Amino acid sequence: MNEALAETLSDPEVVALALAVAAAAAGLTRAYLTHRTRLSAEREASTRTAARMTGLVGLAATGHDMVRIVERDRDGHRAVELGGCGRARCQTPGETA
């Protein structure tokens, strides 16, 4: 069978066929690696989110008056204050200074 295939194809056609097979294999390999990389990044983000939520639940359970959380990640920088009265409005609505 190989002799019959080799007789029907000339040298440039064999080279073109070999390049097509190599390109297809490279494309499949690249798609597989991209898929695995994306899955790994999603798994890491999920683990990070679970750890963050566990930490927040732990902070909420301690009964602090105010908790300030500062986060930096690839989405940006966030500072969140939970509880307390804030900077500008520490008085209750009926109080006067």
N, C-alpha and C. Protein backbone atom coordinates (compact mmCIF):
# COMPACT_ATOMS: atom_id res chain seq x y z
N MET A 1 0.82 -1.19 0.00
CA MET A 1 0.00 0.00 0.00
C MET A 1 0.87 1.25 0.00
N ASN A 2 1.96 1.26 0.77
CA ASN A 2 2.84 2.43 0.80
C ASN A 2 3.47 2.68 -0.55
N GLU A 3 3.80 1.59 -1.28
CA GLU A 3 4.38 1.78 -2.61
C GLU A 3 3.37 2.41 -3.55
N ALA A 4 2.11 1.99 -3.44
CA ALA A 4 1.07 2.55 -4.30
C ALA A 4 0.85 4.02 -3.98
N LEU A 5 0.89 4.38 -2.71
CA LEU A 5 0.73 5.78 -2.32
C LEU A 5 1.93 6.60 -2.77
N ALA A 6 3.11 6.05 -2.61
CA ALA A 6 4.33 6.76 -3.01
C ALA A 6 4.39 6.94 -4.52
N GLU A 7 3.87 5.99 -5.28
CA GLU A 7 3.90 6.11 -6.74
C GLU A 7 2.92 7.16 -7.22
N THR A 8 1.80 7.36 -6.53
CA THR A 8 0.81 8.32 -7.00
C THR A 8 1.15 9.75 -6.61
N LEU A 9 1.98 9.93 -5.57
CA LEU A 9 2.34 11.27 -5.12
C LEU A 9 3.75 11.62 -5.56
N SER A 10 3.93 12.84 -6.05
CA SER A 10 5.27 13.30 -6.40
C SER A 10 5.92 13.91 -5.16
N ASP A 11 7.18 14.28 -5.26
CA ASP A 11 7.91 14.83 -4.11
C ASP A 11 7.27 16.09 -3.54
N PRO A 12 6.87 17.07 -4.33
CA PRO A 12 6.23 18.27 -3.74
C PRO A 12 4.90 17.93 -3.06
N GLU A 13 4.18 16.96 -3.59
CA GLU A 13 2.91 16.58 -2.97
C GLU A 13 3.14 15.89 -1.64
N VAL A 14 4.19 15.09 -1.54
CA VAL A 14 4.53 14.42 -0.28
C VAL A 14 4.90 15.46 0.78
N VAL A 15 5.68 16.44 0.37
CA VAL A 15 6.08 17.51 1.29
C VAL A 15 4.85 18.30 1.75
N ALA A 16 3.94 18.61 0.82
CA ALA A 16 2.73 19.35 1.18
C ALA A 16 1.86 18.53 2.13
N LEU A 17 1.75 17.23 1.87
CA LEU A 17 0.96 16.37 2.76
C LEU A 17 1.59 16.30 4.15
N ALA A 18 2.91 16.18 4.20
CA ALA A 18 3.60 16.13 5.49
C ALA A 18 3.42 17.44 6.26
N LEU A 19 3.50 18.56 5.55
CA LEU A 19 3.29 19.86 6.20
C LEU A 19 1.85 20.01 6.70
N ALA A 20 0.89 19.51 5.94
CA ALA A 20 -0.51 19.59 6.37
C ALA A 20 -0.74 18.75 7.63
N VAL A 21 -0.17 17.57 7.67
CA VAL A 21 -0.31 16.72 8.85
C VAL A 21 0.38 17.35 10.05
N ALA A 22 1.56 17.93 9.84
CA ALA A 22 2.29 18.58 10.93
C ALA A 22 1.52 19.81 11.44
N ALA A 23 0.93 20.57 10.53
CA ALA A 23 0.17 21.75 10.93
C ALA A 23 -1.08 21.34 11.73
N ALA A 24 -1.74 20.29 11.29
CA ALA A 24 -2.92 19.82 12.03
C ALA A 24 -2.53 19.34 13.43
N ALA A 25 -1.44 18.62 13.53
CA ALA A 25 -0.98 18.14 14.84
C ALA A 25 -0.59 19.31 15.74
N ALA A 26 0.07 20.30 15.17
CA ALA A 26 0.46 21.48 15.96
C ALA A 26 -0.77 22.25 16.42
N GLY A 27 -1.77 22.37 15.56
CA GLY A 27 -3.01 23.06 15.94
C GLY A 27 -3.74 22.35 17.06
N LEU A 28 -3.82 21.03 16.98
CA LEU A 28 -4.47 20.26 18.04
C LEU A 28 -3.71 20.38 19.36
N THR A 29 -2.39 20.35 19.28
CA THR A 29 -1.57 20.48 20.49
C THR A 29 -1.76 21.85 21.12
N ARG A 30 -1.78 22.88 20.29
CA ARG A 30 -1.96 24.24 20.79
C ARG A 30 -3.34 24.41 21.43
N ALA A 31 -4.37 23.86 20.81
CA ALA A 31 -5.73 23.95 21.37
C ALA A 31 -5.80 23.22 22.71
N TYR A 32 -5.17 22.07 22.80
CA TYR A 32 -5.17 21.30 24.05
C TYR A 32 -4.47 22.08 25.16
N LEU A 33 -3.31 22.65 24.86
CA LEU A 33 -2.56 23.41 25.87
C LEU A 33 -3.33 24.66 26.30
N THR A 34 -3.98 25.32 25.36
CA THR A 34 -4.79 26.49 25.70
C THR A 34 -5.94 26.11 26.62
N HIS A 35 -6.58 25.00 26.31
CA HIS A 35 -7.69 24.51 27.12
C HIS A 35 -7.22 24.17 28.54
N ARG A 36 -6.12 23.48 28.67
CA ARG A 36 -5.60 23.11 29.99
C ARG A 36 -5.18 24.34 30.79
N THR A 37 -4.59 25.32 30.11
CA THR A 37 -4.19 26.55 30.79
C THR A 37 -5.41 27.30 31.32
N ARG A 38 -6.47 27.38 30.51
CA ARG A 38 -7.69 28.06 30.94
C ARG A 38 -8.33 27.34 32.12
N LEU A 39 -8.37 26.01 32.07
CA LEU A 39 -8.93 25.25 33.19
C LEU A 39 -8.13 25.47 34.47
N SER A 40 -6.82 25.50 34.35
CA SER A 40 -5.97 25.72 35.51
C SER A 40 -6.20 27.11 36.10
N ALA A 41 -6.33 28.12 35.26
CA ALA A 41 -6.57 29.48 35.74
C ALA A 41 -7.93 29.58 36.42
N GLU A 42 -8.94 28.92 35.87
CA GLU A 42 -10.26 28.95 36.49
C GLU A 42 -10.25 28.22 37.84
N ARG A 43 -9.53 27.12 37.92
CA ARG A 43 -9.44 26.37 39.18
C ARG A 43 -8.73 27.21 40.24
N GLU A 44 -7.68 27.91 39.83
CA GLU A 44 -6.94 28.76 40.78
C GLU A 44 -7.82 29.91 41.26
N ALA A 45 -8.57 30.53 40.36
CA ALA A 45 -9.46 31.63 40.75
C ALA A 45 -10.56 31.13 41.68
N SER A 46 -11.07 29.94 41.43
CA SER A 46 -12.10 29.37 42.28
C SER A 46 -11.56 29.09 43.68
N THR A 47 -10.36 28.56 43.75
CA THR A 47 -9.73 28.28 45.04
C THR A 47 -9.47 29.58 45.80
N ARG A 48 -9.02 30.60 45.09
CA ARG A 48 -8.76 31.90 45.71
C ARG A 48 -10.06 32.51 46.24
N THR A 49 -11.14 32.38 45.49
CA THR A 49 -12.43 32.91 45.92
C THR A 49 -12.94 32.18 47.15
N ALA A 50 -12.79 30.86 47.17
CA ALA A 50 -13.21 30.09 48.34
C ALA A 50 -12.41 30.48 49.58
N ALA A 51 -11.11 30.68 49.42
CA ALA A 51 -10.27 31.09 50.55
C ALA A 51 -10.66 32.49 51.03
N ARG A 52 -10.96 33.38 50.09
CA ARG A 52 -11.37 34.73 50.46
C ARG A 52 -12.68 34.70 51.25
N MET A 53 -13.64 33.91 50.78
CA MET A 53 -14.92 33.84 51.48
C MET A 53 -14.77 33.21 52.86
N THR A 54 -13.92 32.20 52.99
CA THR A 54 -13.67 31.59 54.29
C THR A 54 -13.09 32.63 55.25
N GLY A 55 -12.16 33.43 54.76
CA GLY A 55 -11.57 34.49 55.59
C GLY A 55 -12.59 35.53 55.99
N LEU A 56 -13.48 35.92 55.06
CA LEU A 56 -14.51 36.91 55.38
C LEU A 56 -15.51 36.39 56.40
N VAL A 57 -15.87 35.12 56.27
CA VAL A 57 -16.78 34.52 57.26
C VAL A 57 -16.11 34.50 58.62
N GLY A 58 -14.83 34.18 58.65
CA GLY A 58 -14.09 34.19 59.92
C GLY A 58 -14.04 35.57 60.53
N LEU A 59 -13.84 36.60 59.70
CA LEU A 59 -13.84 37.98 60.21
C LEU A 59 -15.22 38.37 60.72
N ALA A 60 -16.25 37.99 60.01
CA ALA A 60 -17.60 38.35 60.43
C ALA A 60 -17.99 37.67 61.73
N ALA A 61 -17.45 36.49 61.96
CA ALA A 61 -17.80 35.73 63.17
C ALA A 61 -17.11 36.27 64.42
N THR A 62 -16.06 37.04 64.28
CA THR A 62 -15.32 37.53 65.45
C THR A 62 -16.01 38.69 66.15
N GLY A 63 -16.94 39.35 65.48
CA GLY A 63 -17.71 40.41 66.13
C GLY A 63 -17.00 41.75 66.20
N HIS A 64 -16.12 42.06 65.28
CA HIS A 64 -15.48 43.38 65.24
C HIS A 64 -16.51 44.44 64.89
N ASP A 65 -16.26 45.66 65.39
CA ASP A 65 -17.15 46.76 65.04
C ASP A 65 -16.97 47.16 63.58
N MET A 66 -15.74 47.19 63.14
CA MET A 66 -15.47 47.57 61.75
C MET A 66 -14.32 46.72 61.22
N VAL A 67 -14.47 46.29 59.99
CA VAL A 67 -13.43 45.51 59.32
C VAL A 67 -13.11 46.19 58.00
N ARG A 68 -11.83 46.43 57.74
CA ARG A 68 -11.39 47.02 56.47
C ARG A 68 -10.62 45.97 55.72
N ILE A 69 -11.04 45.71 54.49
CA ILE A 69 -10.41 44.69 53.65
C ILE A 69 -9.82 45.38 52.44
N VAL A 70 -8.54 45.12 52.18
CA VAL A 70 -7.86 45.68 51.02
C VAL A 70 -7.42 44.51 50.15
N GLU A 71 -7.85 44.53 48.89
CA GLU A 71 -7.51 43.46 47.96
C GLU A 71 -6.83 44.03 46.73
N ARG A 72 -5.84 43.30 46.27
CA ARG A 72 -5.19 43.63 45.01
C ARG A 72 -5.10 42.34 44.21
N ASP A 73 -5.64 42.36 43.00
CA ASP A 73 -5.51 41.21 42.13
C ASP A 73 -5.51 41.70 40.69
N ARG A 74 -5.65 40.79 39.75
CA ARG A 74 -5.55 41.19 38.35
C ARG A 74 -6.72 42.07 37.90
N ASP A 75 -7.82 42.09 38.68
CA ASP A 75 -8.95 42.95 38.35
C ASP A 75 -8.75 44.38 38.83
N GLY A 76 -7.84 44.58 39.75
CA GLY A 76 -7.60 45.93 40.25
C GLY A 76 -7.39 45.94 41.74
N HIS A 77 -7.62 47.10 42.33
CA HIS A 77 -7.38 47.34 43.75
C HIS A 77 -8.71 47.72 44.39
N ARG A 78 -9.05 47.08 45.50
CA ARG A 78 -10.30 47.37 46.19
C ARG A 78 -10.04 47.54 47.68
N ALA A 79 -10.74 48.48 48.26
CA ALA A 79 -10.73 48.66 49.71
C ALA A 79 -12.18 48.70 50.16
N VAL A 80 -12.58 47.78 51.02
CA VAL A 80 -13.97 47.67 51.46
C VAL A 80 -14.00 47.76 52.98
N GLU A 81 -14.90 48.58 53.50
CA GLU A 81 -15.09 48.69 54.95
C GLU A 81 -16.44 48.12 55.30
N LEU A 82 -16.45 47.19 56.23
CA LEU A 82 -17.69 46.56 56.69
C LEU A 82 -17.94 46.96 58.13
N GLY A 83 -19.17 47.37 58.42
CA GLY A 83 -19.52 47.78 59.78
C GLY A 83 -19.04 49.19 60.07
N GLY A 84 -19.10 49.57 61.30
CA GLY A 84 -18.66 50.91 61.68
C GLY A 84 -19.62 51.96 61.16
N CYS A 85 -19.26 53.22 61.36
CA CYS A 85 -20.17 54.28 60.93
C CYS A 85 -19.60 55.09 59.77
N GLY A 86 -18.45 54.77 59.29
CA GLY A 86 -17.89 55.54 58.19
C GLY A 86 -17.19 56.78 58.69
N ARG A 87 -16.57 57.52 57.79
CA ARG A 87 -15.79 58.70 58.20
C ARG A 87 -16.66 59.92 58.45
N ALA A 88 -17.62 60.17 57.56
CA ALA A 88 -18.34 61.43 57.63
C ALA A 88 -19.59 61.37 58.50
N ARG A 89 -20.14 60.21 58.76
CA ARG A 89 -21.43 60.13 59.44
C ARG A 89 -21.36 59.23 60.68
N CYS A 90 -20.56 59.61 61.66
CA CYS A 90 -20.41 58.81 62.87
C CYS A 90 -21.49 59.12 63.90
N GLN A 91 -22.35 60.06 63.65
CA GLN A 91 -23.40 60.37 64.60
C GLN A 91 -24.69 59.72 64.12
N THR A 92 -25.51 59.37 65.09
CA THR A 92 -26.83 58.87 64.72
C THR A 92 -27.68 60.05 64.28
N PRO A 93 -28.75 59.83 63.52
CA PRO A 93 -29.52 60.96 62.97
C PRO A 93 -30.06 61.93 64.02
N GLY A 94 -30.34 61.50 65.24
CA GLY A 94 -30.94 62.41 66.24
C GLY A 94 -29.90 63.15 67.06
N GLU A 95 -28.62 62.82 66.96
CA GLU A 95 -27.60 63.46 67.80
C GLU A 95 -27.14 64.78 67.20
N THR A 96 -26.67 65.64 68.09
CA THR A 96 -26.05 66.89 67.64
C THR A 96 -24.68 66.96 68.25
N ALA A 97 -23.81 67.72 67.62
CA ALA A 97 -22.43 67.80 68.09
C ALA A 97 -22.23 68.74 69.21
